[in-house]
């Protein structure tokens, strides 16, 4: 089974993803790292050299490729915003939205080199968060509140998996 973790920047996709993969004894892939390896460029450089639309196309390509693998995928913050990406991911597994309040996300991302963070004010990031949150919900198969410890989020996702398997 493939589990795609989605949510706003700083919601804990990578942290939770690593722990979830360990608990499931399966591979973990950070989509942003995967894209950097495939493009042989860092994401800030991709944005600067080719622009955001090009990067979003690389995300779509990554979703297609990673959907074919079993494991846990920590999606980039924008990967599940495209309906087509979400459809591919849902067809191959679960898409879990990690719902975290903006203030928690912002504390984690404020001093990073993420291109969108560097070029945006806090208010602009909040507007982006509000715009994206509905799409994350719409495009996901499940939502968990991920404000507790990473371990509690892992347990919640494992319970969803068990529930999903019971309903098959």
Foldseek 3Di string as FASTA:
>chain_A
DEEEEEAAAQLCLVVLQVVLCVVVVHDEEELQVVLCVVVVHHPVVCCVPPNDVVVQVSLLVSLQVCLVDHGYYYGYHCSQLDLSSLVSNVVSHFYEYADEDLVNNCVRPCPDVPPVNVVDDSVVSVVVNVVCVVSSVVSGPYYDHRPDDSVVVSVVVVVVVVVVVVVD
